[in-house]
PDB file of N, CA and C in Angstrom:
ATOM      1  N   UNK A   1      -4.129 -11.849  -2.706  1.00  0.00           N
ATOM      2  CA  UNK A   1      -3.488 -10.914  -1.817  1.00  0.00           C
ATOM      3  C   UNK A   1      -2.423 -10.115  -2.566  1.00  0.00           C
ATOM      4  N   UNK A   2      -1.577 -10.777  -3.364  1.00  0.00           N
ATOM      5  CA  UNK A   2      -0.515 -10.082  -4.067  1.00  0.00           C
ATOM      6  C   UNK A   2      -1.066  -9.122  -5.106  1.00  0.00           C
ATOM      7  N   UNK A   3      -2.156  -9.505  -5.754  1.00  0.00           N
ATOM      8  CA  UNK A   3      -2.754  -8.608  -6.753  1.00  0.00           C
ATOM      9  C   UNK A   3      -3.266  -7.337  -6.104  1.00  0.00           C
ATOM     10  N   UNK A   4      -3.891  -7.472  -4.937  1.00  0.00           N
ATOM     11  CA  UNK A   4      -4.386  -6.294  -4.220  1.00  0.00           C
ATOM     12  C   UNK A   4      -3.236  -5.401  -3.791  1.00  0.00           C
ATOM     13  N   UNK A   5      -2.146  -5.996  -3.315  1.00  0.00           N
ATOM     14  CA  UNK A   5      -0.980  -5.227  -2.905  1.00  0.00           C
ATOM     15  C   UNK A   5      -0.383  -4.472  -4.089  1.00  0.00           C
ATOM     16  N   UNK A   6      -0.283  -5.126  -5.238  1.00  0.00           N
ATOM     17  CA  UNK A   6       0.236  -4.460  -6.430  1.00  0.00           C
ATOM     18  C   UNK A   6      -0.672  -3.315  -6.856  1.00  0.00           C
ATOM     19  N   UNK A   7      -1.976  -3.493  -6.685  1.00  0.00           N
ATOM     20  CA  UNK A   7      -2.925  -2.433  -7.014  1.00  0.00           C
ATOM     21  C   UNK A   7      -2.747  -1.242  -6.062  1.00  0.00           C
ATOM     22  N   UNK A   8      -2.548  -1.506  -4.766  1.00  0.00           N
ATOM     23  CA  UNK A   8      -2.350  -0.423  -3.801  1.00  0.00           C
ATOM     24  C   UNK A   8      -1.091   0.364  -4.097  1.00  0.00           C
ATOM     25  N   UNK A   9      -0.051  -0.314  -4.582  1.00  0.00           N
ATOM     26  CA  UNK A   9       1.222   0.347  -4.846  1.00  0.00           C
ATOM     27  C   UNK A   9       1.298   0.929  -6.250  1.00  0.00           C
ATOM     28  N   UNK A  10       0.176   0.970  -6.946  1.00  0.00           N
ATOM     29  CA  UNK A  10       0.073   1.530  -8.294  1.00  0.00           C
ATOM     30  C   UNK A  10       0.925   0.787  -9.321  1.00  0.00           C
ATOM     31  N   UNK A  11       1.219  -0.486  -9.079  1.00  0.00           N
ATOM     32  CA  UNK A  11       1.977  -1.280 -10.035  1.00  0.00           C
ATOM     33  C   UNK A  11       1.030  -1.945 -11.030  1.00  0.00           C
ATOM     34  N   UNK A  12      -0.142  -2.294 -10.560  1.00  0.00           N
ATOM     35  CA  UNK A  12      -1.132  -2.951 -11.415  1.00  0.00           C
ATOM     36  C   UNK A  12      -2.373  -2.066 -11.491  1.00  0.00           C
ATOM     37  N   UNK A  13      -3.027  -2.054 -12.652  1.00  0.00           N
ATOM     38  CA  UNK A  13      -4.240  -1.249 -12.804  1.00  0.00           C
ATOM     39  C   UNK A  13      -5.411  -1.887 -12.080  1.00  0.00           C
ATOM     40  N   UNK A  14      -6.337  -1.025 -11.645  1.00  0.00           N
ATOM     41  CA  UNK A  14      -7.548  -1.496 -10.973  1.00  0.00           C
ATOM     42  C   UNK A  14      -8.442  -2.252 -11.937  1.00  0.00           C
ATOM     43  N   UNK A  15      -9.231  -3.158 -11.390  1.00  0.00           N
ATOM     44  CA  UNK A  15     -10.220  -3.876 -12.180  1.00  0.00           C
ATOM     45  C   UNK A  15     -11.389  -2.937 -12.452  1.00  0.00           C
ATOM     46  N   UNK A  16     -11.708  -2.661 -13.703  1.00  0.00           N
ATOM     47  CA  UNK A  16     -12.801  -1.724 -13.995  1.00  0.00           C
ATOM     48  C   UNK A  16     -14.178  -2.279 -13.615  1.00  0.00           C
ATOM     49  N   UNK A  17     -14.295  -3.583 -13.449  1.00  0.00           N
ATOM     50  CA  UNK A  17     -15.577  -4.190 -13.084  1.00  0.00           C
ATOM     51  C   UNK A  17     -15.770  -4.308 -11.575  1.00  0.00           C
ATOM     52  N   UNK A  18     -14.776  -3.926 -10.800  1.00  0.00           N
ATOM     53  CA  UNK A  18     -14.883  -4.017  -9.342  1.00  0.00           C
ATOM     54  C   UNK A  18     -15.891  -2.995  -8.831  1.00  0.00           C
ATOM     55  N   UNK A  19     -16.620  -3.358  -7.773  1.00  0.00           N
ATOM     56  CA  UNK A  19     -17.577  -2.396  -7.218  1.00  0.00           C
ATOM     57  C   UNK A  19     -16.849  -1.186  -6.636  1.00  0.00           C
ATOM     58  N   UNK A  20     -17.477  -0.045  -6.755  1.00  0.00           N
ATOM     59  CA  UNK A  20     -16.832   1.175  -6.279  1.00  0.00           C
ATOM     60  C   UNK A  20     -17.867   2.047  -5.582  1.00  0.00           C
ATOM     61  N   UNK A  21     -17.623   2.333  -4.323  1.00  0.00           N
ATOM     62  CA  UNK A  21     -18.415   3.324  -3.614  1.00  0.00           C
ATOM     63  C   UNK A  21     -17.485   4.079  -2.677  1.00  0.00           C
ATOM     64  N   UNK A  22     -17.986   5.061  -1.993  1.00  0.00           N
ATOM     65  CA  UNK A  22     -17.142   5.935  -1.181  1.00  0.00           C
ATOM     66  C   UNK A  22     -16.449   5.170  -0.053  1.00  0.00           C
ATOM     67  N   UNK A  23     -17.143   4.235   0.590  1.00  0.00           N
ATOM     68  CA  UNK A  23     -16.538   3.480   1.688  1.00  0.00           C
ATOM     69  C   UNK A  23     -15.373   2.634   1.205  1.00  0.00           C
ATOM     70  N   UNK A  24     -15.518   2.007   0.049  1.00  0.00           N
ATOM     71  CA  UNK A  24     -14.440   1.185  -0.495  1.00  0.00           C
ATOM     72  C   UNK A  24     -13.246   2.062  -0.870  1.00  0.00           C
ATOM     73  N   UNK A  25     -13.498   3.234  -1.432  1.00  0.00           N
ATOM     74  CA  UNK A  25     -12.402   4.140  -1.788  1.00  0.00           C
ATOM     75  C   UNK A  25     -11.629   4.579  -0.544  1.00  0.00           C
ATOM     76  N   UNK A  26     -12.345   4.919   0.535  1.00  0.00           N
ATOM     77  CA  UNK A  26     -11.671   5.301   1.775  1.00  0.00           C
ATOM     78  C   UNK A  26     -10.882   4.135   2.355  1.00  0.00           C
ATOM     79  N   UNK A  27     -11.440   2.932   2.312  1.00  0.00           N
ATOM     80  CA  UNK A  27     -10.761   1.763   2.841  1.00  0.00           C
ATOM     81  C   UNK A  27      -9.473   1.505   2.062  1.00  0.00           C
ATOM     82  N   UNK A  28      -9.537   1.571   0.742  1.00  0.00           N
ATOM     83  CA  UNK A  28      -8.342   1.349  -0.065  1.00  0.00           C
ATOM     84  C   UNK A  28      -7.309   2.451   0.154  1.00  0.00           C
ATOM     85  N   UNK A  29      -7.764   3.670   0.339  1.00  0.00           N
ATOM     86  CA  UNK A  29      -6.840   4.760   0.626  1.00  0.00           C
ATOM     87  C   UNK A  29      -6.105   4.570   1.937  1.00  0.00           C
ATOM     88  N   UNK A  30      -6.817   4.146   2.974  1.00  0.00           N
ATOM     89  CA  UNK A  30      -6.180   3.894   4.271  1.00  0.00           C
ATOM     90  C   UNK A  30      -5.210   2.725   4.176  1.00  0.00           C
ATOM     91  N   UNK A  31      -5.599   1.681   3.457  1.00  0.00           N
ATOM     92  CA  UNK A  31      -4.702   0.539   3.277  1.00  0.00           C
ATOM     93  C   UNK A  31      -3.439   0.959   2.540  1.00  0.00           C
ATOM     94  N   UNK A  32      -3.592   1.780   1.521  1.00  0.00           N
ATOM     95  CA  UNK A  32      -2.445   2.255   0.744  1.00  0.00           C
ATOM     96  C   UNK A  32      -1.502   3.057   1.636  1.00  0.00           C
ATOM     97  N   UNK A  33      -2.045   3.952   2.456  1.00  0.00           N
ATOM     98  CA  UNK A  33      -1.201   4.754   3.348  1.00  0.00           C
ATOM     99  C   UNK A  33      -0.479   3.876   4.359  1.00  0.00           C
ATOM    100  N   UNK A  34      -1.161   2.878   4.911  1.00  0.00           N
ATOM    101  CA  UNK A  34      -0.515   2.030   5.909  1.00  0.00           C
ATOM    102  C   UNK A  34       0.577   1.171   5.289  1.00  0.00           C
ATOM    103  N   UNK A  35       0.401   0.731   4.050  1.00  0.00           N
ATOM    104  CA  UNK A  35       1.451  -0.035   3.374  1.00  0.00           C
ATOM    105  C   UNK A  35       2.671   0.856   3.139  1.00  0.00           C
ATOM    106  N   UNK A  36       2.457   2.075   2.665  1.00  0.00           N
ATOM    107  CA  UNK A  36       3.577   2.997   2.437  1.00  0.00           C
ATOM    108  C   UNK A  36       4.293   3.323   3.745  1.00  0.00           C
ATOM    109  N   UNK A  37       3.548   3.542   4.819  1.00  0.00           N
ATOM    110  CA  UNK A  37       4.169   3.831   6.109  1.00  0.00           C
ATOM    111  C   UNK A  37       4.982   2.638   6.601  1.00  0.00           C
ATOM    112  N   UNK A  38       4.468   1.426   6.396  1.00  0.00           N
ATOM    113  CA  UNK A  38       5.182   0.220   6.800  1.00  0.00           C
ATOM    114  C   UNK A  38       6.500   0.095   6.031  1.00  0.00           C
ATOM    115  N   UNK A  39       6.465   0.335   4.731  1.00  0.00           N
ATOM    116  CA  UNK A  39       7.676   0.239   3.922  1.00  0.00           C
ATOM    117  C   UNK A  39       8.697   1.282   4.361  1.00  0.00           C
ATOM    118  N   UNK A  40       8.237   2.492   4.632  1.00  0.00           N
ATOM    119  CA  UNK A  40       9.150   3.550   5.099  1.00  0.00           C
ATOM    120  C   UNK A  40       9.757   3.183   6.448  1.00  0.00           C
ATOM    121  N   UNK A  41       8.954   2.622   7.355  1.00  0.00           N
ATOM    122  CA  UNK A  41       9.465   2.232   8.668  1.00  0.00           C
ATOM    123  C   UNK A  41      10.510   1.125   8.541  1.00  0.00           C
ATOM    124  N   UNK A  42      10.279   0.161   7.657  1.00  0.00           N
ATOM    125  CA  UNK A  42      11.257  -0.909   7.447  1.00  0.00           C
ATOM    126  C   UNK A  42      12.563  -0.320   6.904  1.00  0.00           C
ATOM    127  N   UNK A  43      12.456   0.616   5.958  1.00  0.00           N
ATOM    128  CA  UNK A  43      13.662   1.240   5.407  1.00  0.00           C
ATOM    129  C   UNK A  43      14.427   2.017   6.478  1.00  0.00           C
ATOM    130  N   UNK A  44      13.715   2.751   7.326  1.00  0.00           N
ATOM    131  CA  UNK A  44      14.374   3.504   8.403  1.00  0.00           C
ATOM    132  C   UNK A  44      15.078   2.546   9.361  1.00  0.00           C
ATOM    133  N   UNK A  45      14.418   1.439   9.708  1.00  0.00           N
ATOM    134  CA  UNK A  45      15.040   0.465  10.614  1.00  0.00           C
ATOM    135  C   UNK A  45      16.291  -0.148   9.982  1.00  0.00           C
ATOM    136  N   UNK A  46      16.247  -0.442   8.689  1.00  0.00           N
ATOM    137  CA  UNK A  46      17.425  -1.008   8.015  1.00  0.00           C
ATOM    138  C   UNK A  46      18.573  -0.009   7.962  1.00  0.00           C
ATOM    139  N   UNK A  47      18.262   1.261   7.700  1.00  0.00           N
ATOM    140  CA  UNK A  47      19.307   2.287   7.681  1.00  0.00           C
ATOM    141  C   UNK A  47      19.927   2.422   9.049  1.00  0.00           C
ATOM    142  N   UNK A  48      19.130   2.454  10.084  1.00  0.00           N
ATOM    143  CA  UNK A  48      19.677   2.564  11.446  1.00  0.00           C
ATOM    144  C   UNK A  48      20.495   1.342  11.827  1.00  0.00           C
ATOM    145  N   UNK A  49      20.090   0.180  11.370  1.00  0.00           N
ATOM    146  CA  UNK A  49      20.809  -1.054  11.683  1.00  0.00           C
ATOM    147  C   UNK A  49      22.188  -1.052  11.041  1.00  0.00           C
ATOM    148  N   UNK A  50      22.272  -0.617   9.808  1.00  0.00           N
ATOM    149  CA  UNK A  50      23.547  -0.677   9.095  1.00  0.00           C
ATOM    150  C   UNK A  50      24.441   0.546   9.338  1.00  0.00           C
ATOM    151  N   UNK A  51      23.915   1.585   9.928  1.00  0.00           N
ATOM    152  CA  UNK A  51      24.741   2.760  10.222  1.00  0.00           C
ATOM    153  C   UNK A  51      25.560   2.573  11.499  1.00  0.00           C
ATOM    154  N   UNK A  52      25.069   1.786  12.434  1.00  0.00           N
ATOM    155  CA  UNK A  52      25.784   1.651  13.712  1.00  0.00           C
ATOM    156  C   UNK A  52      26.607   0.417  13.714  1.00  0.00           C
TER     157      UNK A  52
END
């Protein structure tokens, strides 16, 4: 799980032997966007918590 997360966040390089097709690329792209949105939402909540 952690390796996949690091790959989504561009911290670790992709496995060149992993299967690759269009559906997998779209799935990884959606997962990457949802992880980034989650991190941004957590940061916004923390800023709002500490500002008031």
